[in-house]
Each structure stands twice: as C-alpha cells, then as structure tokens.
C-alpha atoms as a PDB file:
ATOM      1  CA  MET A   1      22.173 -56.333 180.635  1.00  0.00           C
ATOM      2  CA  GLU A   2      23.164 -58.478 183.384  1.00  0.00           C
ATOM      3  CA  GLU A   3      20.626 -59.920 186.119  1.00  0.00           C
ATOM      4  CA  THR A   4      21.545 -61.200 189.290  1.00  0.00           C
ATOM      5  CA  LYS A   5      19.271 -63.241 191.666  1.00  0.00           C
ATOM      6  CA  VAL A   6      19.441 -62.837 195.376  1.00  0.00           C
ATOM      7  CA  LYS A   7      17.202 -63.895 198.339  1.00  0.00           C
ATOM      8  CA  ALA A   8      16.654 -61.040 200.407  1.00  0.00           C
ATOM      9  CA  ILE A   9      15.163 -59.091 203.486  1.00  0.00           C
ATOM     10  CA  VAL A  10      13.356 -55.656 202.353  1.00  0.00           C
ATOM     11  CA  LEU A  11      14.904 -53.207 205.070  1.00  0.00           C
ATOM     12  CA  GLY A  12      13.219 -50.274 204.059  1.00  0.00           C
ATOM     13  CA  GLY A  13      13.082 -47.753 201.003  1.00  0.00           C
ATOM     14  CA  ARG A  14      12.485 -44.059 199.841  1.00  0.00           C
ATOM     15  CA  ASP A  15      10.385 -42.502 197.498  1.00  0.00           C
ATOM     16  CA  TYR A  16      12.460 -41.657 194.142  1.00  0.00           C
ATOM     17  CA  LYS A  17      10.721 -39.709 191.451  1.00  0.00           C
ATOM     18  CA  GLU A  18       7.049 -39.808 190.988  1.00  0.00           C
ATOM     19  CA  LYS A  19       6.622 -43.342 190.962  1.00  0.00           C
ATOM     20  CA  ASP A  20       9.551 -45.126 191.490  1.00  0.00           C
ATOM     21  CA  LYS A  21      11.186 -46.264 194.961  1.00  0.00           C
ATOM     22  CA  LEU A  22      14.592 -47.144 196.152  1.00  0.00           C
ATOM     23  CA  VAL A  23      14.876 -49.859 198.492  1.00  0.00           C
ATOM     24  CA  ASP A  24      17.862 -51.376 200.409  1.00  0.00           C
ATOM     25  CA  LEU A  25      17.713 -55.229 200.878  1.00  0.00           C
ATOM     26  CA  PHE A  26      19.631 -57.304 202.903  1.00  0.00           C
ATOM     27  CA  THR A  27      20.517 -60.307 200.658  1.00  0.00           C
ATOM     28  CA  LEU A  28      21.812 -63.526 201.469  1.00  0.00           C
ATOM     29  CA  GLU A  29      24.815 -63.556 199.124  1.00  0.00           C
ATOM     30  CA  GLN A  30      25.765 -59.737 198.818  1.00  0.00           C
ATOM     31  CA  GLY A  31      25.019 -58.251 202.028  1.00  0.00           C
ATOM     32  CA  ILE A  32      23.035 -54.823 201.921  1.00  0.00           C
ATOM     33  CA  VAL A  33      22.301 -53.908 198.456  1.00  0.00           C
ATOM     34  CA  SER A  34      20.383 -50.874 196.826  1.00  0.00           C
ATOM     35  CA  VAL A  35      17.917 -51.405 194.551  1.00  0.00           C
ATOM     36  CA  LEU A  36      15.516 -49.552 192.323  1.00  0.00           C
ATOM     37  CA  PHE A  37      11.511 -50.591 191.981  1.00  0.00           C
ATOM     38  CA  LYS A  38      10.309 -48.581 188.928  1.00  0.00           C
ATOM     39  CA  SER A  39       6.713 -47.432 188.489  1.00  0.00           C
ATOM     40  CA  VAL A  40       5.977 -49.489 191.761  1.00  0.00           C
ATOM     41  CA  LYS A  41       3.524 -46.752 193.483  1.00  0.00           C
ATOM     42  CA  SER A  42       1.190 -47.089 190.588  1.00  0.00           C
ATOM     43  CA  ALA A  43      -2.088 -48.750 191.674  1.00  0.00           C
ATOM     44  CA  ASN A  44      -1.436 -51.484 189.719  1.00  0.00           C
ATOM     45  CA  ALA A  45       2.418 -52.326 190.013  1.00  0.00           C
ATOM     46  CA  LYS A  46       2.789 -55.984 190.189  1.00  0.00           C
ATOM     47  CA  LEU A  47       5.627 -55.628 192.400  1.00  0.00           C
ATOM     48  CA  LYS A  48       3.879 -53.481 194.774  1.00  0.00           C
ATOM     49  CA  SER A  49       3.840 -55.552 197.643  1.00  0.00           C
ATOM     50  CA  ALA A  50       7.477 -56.821 197.080  1.00  0.00           C
ATOM     51  CA  LYS A  51       8.988 -53.389 197.998  1.00  0.00           C
ATOM     52  CA  GLU A  52       7.436 -53.452 201.521  1.00  0.00           C
ATOM     53  CA  MET A  53       9.448 -53.587 204.696  1.00  0.00           C
ATOM     54  CA  PHE A  54      10.147 -56.954 206.198  1.00  0.00           C
ATOM     55  CA  SER A  55       8.854 -58.736 202.734  1.00  0.00           C
ATOM     56  CA  PHE A  56      11.513 -61.855 202.563  1.00  0.00           C
ATOM     57  CA  GLY A  57      11.826 -63.549 199.270  1.00  0.00           C
ATOM     58  CA  ASP A  58      13.562 -64.089 195.794  1.00  0.00           C
ATOM     59  CA  PHE A  59      14.672 -61.060 193.843  1.00  0.00           C
ATOM     60  CA  ILE A  60      16.009 -60.692 190.589  1.00  0.00           C
ATOM     61  CA  TYR A  61      17.362 -57.153 189.335  1.00  0.00           C
ATOM     62  CA  ALA A  62      19.243 -55.948 186.313  1.00  0.00           C
ATOM     63  CA  THR A  63      22.664 -54.292 187.070  1.00  0.00           C
ATOM     64  CA  GLY A  64      23.599 -50.693 185.682  1.00  0.00           C
ATOM     65  CA  LYS A  65      23.615 -47.037 187.057  1.00  0.00           C
ATOM     66  CA  PHE A  66      20.802 -48.559 189.064  1.00  0.00           C
ATOM     67  CA  ASN A  67      19.937 -52.023 190.106  1.00  0.00           C
ATOM     68  CA  VAL A  68      16.622 -52.164 188.698  1.00  0.00           C
ATOM     69  CA  VAL A  69      14.030 -55.220 190.343  1.00  0.00           C
ATOM     70  CA  THR A  70      12.892 -57.132 187.553  1.00  0.00           C
ATOM     71  CA  SER A  71      10.987 -59.624 189.376  1.00  0.00           C
ATOM     72  CA  ALA A  72      10.096 -61.027 192.983  1.00  0.00           C
ATOM     73  CA  GLU A  73       8.565 -64.088 194.352  1.00  0.00           C
ATOM     74  CA  ILE A  74       7.557 -63.216 198.150  1.00  0.00           C
ATOM     75  CA  ILE A  75       8.194 -66.382 200.320  1.00  0.00           C
ATOM     76  CA  ASP A  76       7.111 -64.442 203.185  1.00  0.00           C
ATOM     77  CA  THR A  77       5.622 -61.007 204.945  1.00  0.00           C
ATOM     78  CA  PHE A  78       5.581 -61.843 208.155  1.00  0.00           C
ATOM     79  CA  TYR A  79       2.326 -60.758 208.297  1.00  0.00           C
ATOM     80  CA  GLY A  80       1.788 -60.464 212.120  1.00  0.00           C
ATOM     81  CA  ILE A  81       4.189 -57.697 212.623  1.00  0.00           C
ATOM     82  CA  THR A  82       2.023 -55.301 210.988  1.00  0.00           C
ATOM     83  CA  LYS A  83      -0.855 -56.410 213.072  1.00  0.00           C
ATOM     84  CA  ASP A  84       0.582 -55.512 216.661  1.00  0.00           C
ATOM     85  CA  ILE A  85       2.391 -52.032 217.229  1.00  0.00           C
ATOM     86  CA  LYS A  86       4.861 -53.622 219.741  1.00  0.00           C
ATOM     87  CA  LYS A  87       5.739 -56.275 217.150  1.00  0.00           C
ATOM     88  CA  TYR A  88       6.267 -53.480 214.462  1.00  0.00           C
ATOM     89  CA  TYR A  89       8.567 -51.903 216.797  1.00  0.00           C
ATOM     90  CA  THR A  90      10.563 -54.534 217.587  1.00  0.00           C
ATOM     91  CA  ALA A  91      10.979 -55.788 214.081  1.00  0.00           C
ATOM     92  CA  CYS A  92      11.748 -52.038 212.952  1.00  0.00           C
ATOM     93  CA  MET A  93      14.489 -51.978 215.614  1.00  0.00           C
ATOM     94  CA  ILE A  94      15.723 -55.709 214.304  1.00  0.00           C
ATOM     95  CA  LEU A  95      16.213 -53.922 210.818  1.00  0.00           C
ATOM     96  CA  GLU A  96      17.766 -50.789 212.309  1.00  0.00           C
ATOM     97  CA  ILE A  97      20.582 -53.005 214.036  1.00  0.00           C
ATOM     98  CA  ILE A  98      21.776 -54.749 210.774  1.00  0.00           C
ATOM     99  CA  LYS A  99      21.842 -51.502 209.077  1.00  0.00           C
ATOM    100  CA  CYS A 100      24.064 -49.967 211.957  1.00  0.00           C
ATOM    101  CA  VAL A 101      26.453 -52.744 212.068  1.00  0.00           C
ATOM    102  CA  LEU A 102      26.710 -54.456 208.388  1.00  0.00           C
ATOM    103  CA  PRO A 103      28.570 -52.075 205.715  1.00  0.00           C
ATOM    104  CA  VAL A 104      26.905 -51.897 202.305  1.00  0.00           C
ATOM    105  CA  GLY A 105      28.079 -54.786 200.244  1.00  0.00           C
ATOM    106  CA  GLU A 106      29.542 -57.312 202.872  1.00  0.00           C
ATOM    107  CA  GLN A 107      28.211 -60.622 203.357  1.00  0.00           C
ATOM    108  CA  ASN A 108      27.317 -62.323 206.283  1.00  0.00           C
ATOM    109  CA  VAL A 109      25.505 -65.432 205.754  1.00  0.00           C
ATOM    110  CA  ASN A 110      25.022 -66.255 209.575  1.00  0.00           C
ATOM    111  CA  LEU A 111      23.593 -62.562 210.336  1.00  0.00           C
ATOM    112  CA  PHE A 112      20.894 -63.149 207.361  1.00  0.00           C
ATOM    113  CA  LEU A 113      19.659 -66.303 208.840  1.00  0.00           C
ATOM    114  CA  GLU A 114      19.645 -65.180 212.649  1.00  0.00           C
ATOM    115  CA  THR A 115      17.451 -62.104 210.980  1.00  0.00           C
ATOM    116  CA  LEU A 116      15.496 -64.231 209.482  1.00  0.00           C
ATOM    117  CA  LYS A 117      14.755 -66.597 212.764  1.00  0.00           C
ATOM    118  CA  ALA A 118      14.322 -63.397 214.874  1.00  0.00           C
ATOM    119  CA  LEU A 119      11.570 -61.757 212.342  1.00  0.00           C
ATOM    120  CA  LYS A 120       9.673 -64.994 212.478  1.00  0.00           C
ATOM    121  CA  THR A 121       9.725 -65.087 216.096  1.00  0.00           C
ATOM    122  CA  VAL A 122       8.394 -61.440 216.323  1.00  0.00           C
ATOM    123  CA  ALA A 123       5.777 -62.223 213.692  1.00  0.00           C
ATOM    124  CA  TYR A 124       4.529 -65.825 214.867  1.00  0.00           C
ATOM    125  CA  ASP A 125       5.672 -66.279 218.558  1.00  0.00           C
ATOM    126  CA  ASN A 126       4.401 -64.879 221.684  1.00  0.00           C
ATOM    127  CA  ALA A 127       7.935 -64.252 222.947  1.00  0.00           C
ATOM    128  CA  ASP A 128       8.535 -60.979 224.982  1.00  0.00           C
ATOM    129  CA  ASN A 129       9.518 -58.525 222.741  1.00  0.00           C
ATOM    130  CA  LEU A 130      12.576 -57.058 224.759  1.00  0.00           C
ATOM    131  CA  THR A 131      13.863 -60.652 224.714  1.00  0.00           C
ATOM    132  CA  ILE A 132      13.951 -60.943 221.179  1.00  0.00           C
ATOM    133  CA  ILE A 133      15.699 -57.743 221.002  1.00  0.00           C
ATOM    134  CA  ASN A 134      18.308 -58.606 223.713  1.00  0.00           C
ATOM    135  CA  LYS A 135      18.689 -62.012 222.200  1.00  0.00           C
ATOM    136  CA  PHE A 136      19.352 -60.304 218.481  1.00  0.00           C
ATOM    137  CA  LEU A 137      21.762 -57.833 220.259  1.00  0.00           C
ATOM    138  CA  VAL A 138      23.840 -60.981 221.519  1.00  0.00           C
ATOM    139  CA  VAL A 139      23.575 -62.788 218.337  1.00  0.00           C
ATOM    140  CA  VAL A 140      24.895 -59.782 216.239  1.00  0.00           C
ATOM    141  CA  PHE A 141      27.765 -59.328 219.211  1.00  0.00           C
ATOM    142  CA  GLU A 142      28.547 -63.278 218.292  1.00  0.00           C
ATOM    143  CA  GLY A 143      28.379 -63.139 214.496  1.00  0.00           C
ATOM    144  CA  LEU A 144      30.814 -59.718 214.522  1.00  0.00           C
ATOM    145  CA  GLY A 145      33.488 -61.380 216.523  1.00  0.00           C
ATOM    146  CA  TYR A 146      32.337 -60.182 219.944  1.00  0.00           C
ATOM    147  CA  LYS A 147      30.824 -63.459 221.553  1.00  0.00           C
ATOM    148  CA  PHE A 148      30.332 -63.585 225.379  1.00  0.00           C
ATOM    149  CA  ALA A 149      32.413 -65.777 227.546  1.00  0.00           C
ATOM    150  CA  LEU A 150      29.818 -66.380 230.154  1.00  0.00           C
ATOM    151  CA  ASN A 151      31.753 -69.046 232.406  1.00  0.00           C
ATOM    152  CA  THR A 152      35.192 -67.692 233.021  1.00  0.00           C
ATOM    153  CA  CYS A 153      36.720 -64.415 232.880  1.00  0.00           C
ATOM    154  CA  ASN A 154      37.764 -63.174 229.186  1.00  0.00           C
ATOM    155  CA  THR A 155      40.886 -61.815 230.364  1.00  0.00           C
ATOM    156  CA  CYS A 156      42.355 -63.927 233.081  1.00  0.00           C
ATOM    157  CA  GLY A 157      40.388 -67.448 232.387  1.00  0.00           C
ATOM    158  CA  CYS A 158      39.335 -67.711 235.955  1.00  0.00           C
ATOM    159  CA  LYS A 159      35.629 -68.938 236.760  1.00  0.00           C
ATOM    160  CA  PHE A 160      33.499 -66.363 237.921  1.00  0.00           C
ATOM    161  CA  MET A 161      33.194 -65.992 241.766  1.00  0.00           C
ATOM    162  CA  ASN A 162      30.907 -62.950 242.921  1.00  0.00           C
ATOM    163  CA  TYR A 163      31.152 -60.185 240.689  1.00  0.00           C
ATOM    164  CA  ARG A 164      31.129 -59.984 236.769  1.00  0.00           C
ATOM    165  CA  TYR A 165      31.801 -56.694 234.431  1.00  0.00           C
ATOM    166  CA  MET A 166      31.284 -55.499 230.859  1.00  0.00           C
ATOM    167  CA  ASN A 167      34.468 -54.361 229.634  1.00  0.00           C
ATOM    168  CA  LEU A 168      33.585 -51.973 227.169  1.00  0.00           C
ATOM    169  CA  GLU A 169      36.609 -50.962 225.505  1.00  0.00           C
ATOM    170  CA  TYR A 170      36.798 -54.780 224.116  1.00  0.00           C
ATOM    171  CA  GLY A 171      33.331 -56.006 224.467  1.00  0.00           C
ATOM    172  CA  ASP A 172      33.844 -58.842 226.839  1.00  0.00           C
ATOM    173  CA  ILE A 173      33.078 -60.105 230.312  1.00  0.00           C
ATOM    174  CA  THR A 174      35.821 -59.712 232.927  1.00  0.00           C
ATOM    175  CA  CYS A 175      36.239 -60.779 236.714  1.00  0.00           C
ATOM    176  CA  HIS A 176      36.372 -58.333 239.409  1.00  0.00           C
ATOM    177  CA  ASN A 177      40.395 -58.591 239.329  1.00  0.00           C
ATOM    178  CA  CYS A 178      40.247 -57.655 235.460  1.00  0.00           C
ATOM    179  CA  LYS A 179      37.904 -54.796 235.582  1.00  0.00           C
ATOM    180  CA  THR A 180      39.164 -51.391 234.463  1.00  0.00           C
ATOM    181  CA  LEU A 181      38.103 -47.769 234.340  1.00  0.00           C
ATOM    182  CA  ASN A 182      35.807 -48.739 231.491  1.00  0.00           C
ATOM    183  CA  SER A 183      33.863 -51.593 233.024  1.00  0.00           C
ATOM    184  CA  VAL A 184      30.483 -51.757 234.090  1.00  0.00           C
ATOM    185  CA  GLU A 185      29.462 -53.889 236.777  1.00  0.00           C
ATOM    186  CA  ILE A 186      26.696 -56.888 235.441  1.00  0.00           C
ATOM    187  CA  SER A 187      24.037 -57.333 238.226  1.00  0.00           C
ATOM    188  CA  VAL A 188      23.157 -60.984 239.167  1.00  0.00           C
ATOM    189  CA  GLY A 189      19.934 -60.646 237.759  1.00  0.00           C
ATOM    190  CA  GLU A 190      21.344 -59.151 234.493  1.00  0.00           C
ATOM    191  CA  TYR A 191      23.653 -62.049 234.085  1.00  0.00           C
ATOM    192  CA  SER A 192      21.172 -64.649 234.795  1.00  0.00           C
ATOM    193  CA  ALA A 193      19.098 -63.162 232.149  1.00  0.00           C
ATOM    194  CA  LEU A 194      21.929 -62.624 229.634  1.00  0.00           C
ATOM    195  CA  ARG A 195      23.023 -66.600 229.967  1.00  0.00           C
ATOM    196  CA  LEU A 196      19.311 -67.694 229.712  1.00  0.00           C
ATOM    197  CA  ILE A 197      19.221 -65.561 226.513  1.00  0.00           C
ATOM    198  CA  SER A 198      22.340 -66.294 224.965  1.00  0.00           C
ATOM    199  CA  ILE A 199      21.715 -70.366 225.424  1.00  0.00           C
ATOM    200  CA  THR A 200      18.305 -70.130 224.121  1.00  0.00           C
ATOM    201  CA  GLU A 201      17.467 -70.231 220.253  1.00  0.00           C
ATOM    202  CA  PHE A 202      14.734 -67.751 218.808  1.00  0.00           C
ATOM    203  CA  GLU A 203      12.377 -70.505 218.543  1.00  0.00           C
ATOM    204  CA  LYS A 204      12.300 -71.260 222.174  1.00  0.00           C
ATOM    205  CA  LEU A 205      12.389 -67.489 223.605  1.00  0.00           C
ATOM    206  CA  SER A 206       8.601 -67.950 224.422  1.00  0.00           C
ATOM    207  CA  THR A 207       9.590 -70.295 227.032  1.00  0.00           C
ATOM    208  CA  LEU A 208      11.360 -67.683 229.097  1.00  0.00           C
ATOM    209  CA  LYS A 209       9.787 -65.847 231.803  1.00  0.00           C
ATOM    210  CA  LEU A 210      11.916 -62.923 232.604  1.00  0.00           C
ATOM    211  CA  ASN A 211      11.797 -59.776 234.857  1.00  0.00           C
ATOM    212  CA  GLY A 212      10.865 -56.877 232.977  1.00  0.00           C
ATOM    213  CA  GLU A 213      13.099 -54.401 234.934  1.00  0.00           C
ATOM    214  CA  VAL A 214      15.910 -56.701 234.678  1.00  0.00           C
ATOM    215  CA  LEU A 215      15.579 -56.873 230.688  1.00  0.00           C
ATOM    216  CA  ASN A 216      15.394 -53.238 230.503  1.00  0.00           C
ATOM    217  CA  LYS A 217      18.610 -53.131 232.503  1.00  0.00           C
ATOM    218  CA  LEU A 218      20.163 -55.913 230.457  1.00  0.00           C
ATOM    219  CA  PHE A 219      19.148 -53.781 227.050  1.00  0.00           C
ATOM    220  CA  ASN A 220      20.728 -50.665 228.324  1.00  0.00           C
ATOM    221  CA  LEU A 221      24.103 -52.531 229.155  1.00  0.00           C
ATOM    222  CA  LEU A 222      23.971 -53.958 225.615  1.00  0.00           C
ATOM    223  CA  CYS A 223      23.422 -50.766 224.212  1.00  0.00           C
ATOM    224  CA  MET A 224      26.481 -49.515 225.795  1.00  0.00           C
ATOM    225  CA  ASN A 225      28.574 -52.081 224.494  1.00  0.00           C
ATOM    226  CA  PHE A 226      27.053 -51.695 221.343  1.00  0.00           C
ATOM    227  CA  GLU A 227      27.531 -47.960 221.117  1.00  0.00           C
ATOM    228  CA  HIS A 228      31.393 -48.582 222.075  1.00  0.00           C
ATOM    229  CA  ARG A 229      31.427 -51.564 219.245  1.00  0.00           C
ATOM    230  CA  PHE A 230      29.699 -49.810 216.534  1.00  0.00           C
ATOM    231  CA  ASN A 231      29.887 -46.151 217.174  1.00  0.00           C
ATOM    232  CA  LYS A 232      26.059 -46.164 217.036  1.00  0.00           C
ATOM    233  CA  LYS A 233      23.255 -45.387 219.767  1.00  0.00           C
ATOM    234  CA  LEU A 234      20.276 -47.750 220.032  1.00  0.00           C
ATOM    235  CA  GLU A 235      16.885 -45.898 221.431  1.00  0.00           C
ATOM    236  CA  LEU A 236      14.225 -48.247 222.688  1.00  0.00           C
ATOM    237  CA  PRO A 237      10.966 -47.024 222.082  1.00  0.00           C
ATOM    238  CA  ASP A 238       8.884 -46.174 224.585  1.00  0.00           C
ATOM    239  CA  ILE A 239       6.161 -48.771 223.890  1.00  0.00           C
ATOM    240  CA  LEU A 240       8.464 -51.689 224.458  1.00  0.00           C
ATOM    241  CA  LYS A 241       9.808 -50.383 227.974  1.00  0.00           C
ATOM    242  CA  THR A 242       8.432 -52.773 230.449  1.00  0.00           C
END
C-alpha cells in the first residue's frame, strides 16, 4: 500500500466507530486532506496526541478507501492555546476560516505558512486576539487574490482624499467617486487600523495598541467582505468582543 508523507496542521476531527477518529489535516503539500486514526481513542494509543486540534508535524498515511495514519512526529502543539480561553477561541476561528475558504485537496503553500505564523502568535505572543483575527482575514484575502489597495482607489487609481469605501461586489477599496450601491464606507479609524494591521507582520502584532471598538468595527467590515467572497458568515465569540 502506498504511503504519503505530509507536513500538516490538525484542523479537527470526529469520532468514527468505537475507537477510531476521522481527522482533517491542513497539509503543506495537498491542502486539506481527511485521514483516519485507527484505535486512537485507546488509553495507550501511540498517536493519541497527534490527533489533537492545532497539532503541527509530519504525518505519514497509507492511501486507500481511507487514508490511514501510520506514524506522526509532532513539531509543535501550540501548548499556550489550550491554557487560555481567549487564545483557544482565536485559534479555533483561524482554523474555521481555513476550512471555509480552502476546497479539499487544493494546495496553498502561502496560506499554510501564514496559518502557522498566526497560530504561533496566538500561542506564544501577547498580541491582541482580535488584532490577530483581523490580520489573518487580511492575509486570507491577499492569498486568494483579493489584496487591498490602501493608497489609491482600486477603480480609478486616484489617491484617497477624505472618504474610502469597501466595494463588496469586488472586494476592493474605492474612493467616493467610484463607490457603488454595494459599497460600505470605511471610517478613518477603521482605515488606519486596517493599514497598520496590513503592513505589520504577525511577529510584530504585539507592538500595535489599537482601539477595541475600532477593531470590532473593522472585524465586522472584513466579515461582510468575507461573506461576499466566500458565501460564509463568520461569528465572533462574545468572549473576544472588546
């Protein structure tokens, strides 16, 4: 039976039969792949920890009717995520976003690497959780071809003066003259936060001190854009609202 080795992040899973578990892996090489961990719910199962959500490592599975995991070497469990309820919900949202935007079997190396950066920031840095989520949404848009032009109108190319709008039909930012009925105004505070978050790497997000109300409004704006792009609605857990 042919075996495949992948570098992957565990997105989550569901029980299968009495002791098995079906798990979705976000892999570097193949995108999202479903695999089976056999007898993994036994007390002494050697792969017990490898099936846990957020686990990152090298997985080997045998292909067949089910892709059965035969071995795993975990590189990082992002331990800090499970020790803080806000970090946990933040990391869950990051994985949920990936499941919403990436079709099964579609490779996206950049999104895989950015997801690792995001999880590392959640687990080990002191960055604001909503700042991380907003940053990840921006990264997802960019990685899937919807990068925001922050200096000039995406329609006419003119520099922004006083007003900016999110065009929900095309997922870009336009000026007042180019707005449409499907456009939402971006406030000065939201634009400033979006600009700072866009140009700041995950590793430096902890240096940003942004207004909580503005972050919430920016999240709502990005969620509207997300829903129009991917036909999926995101809900922010109450515990992460600031």
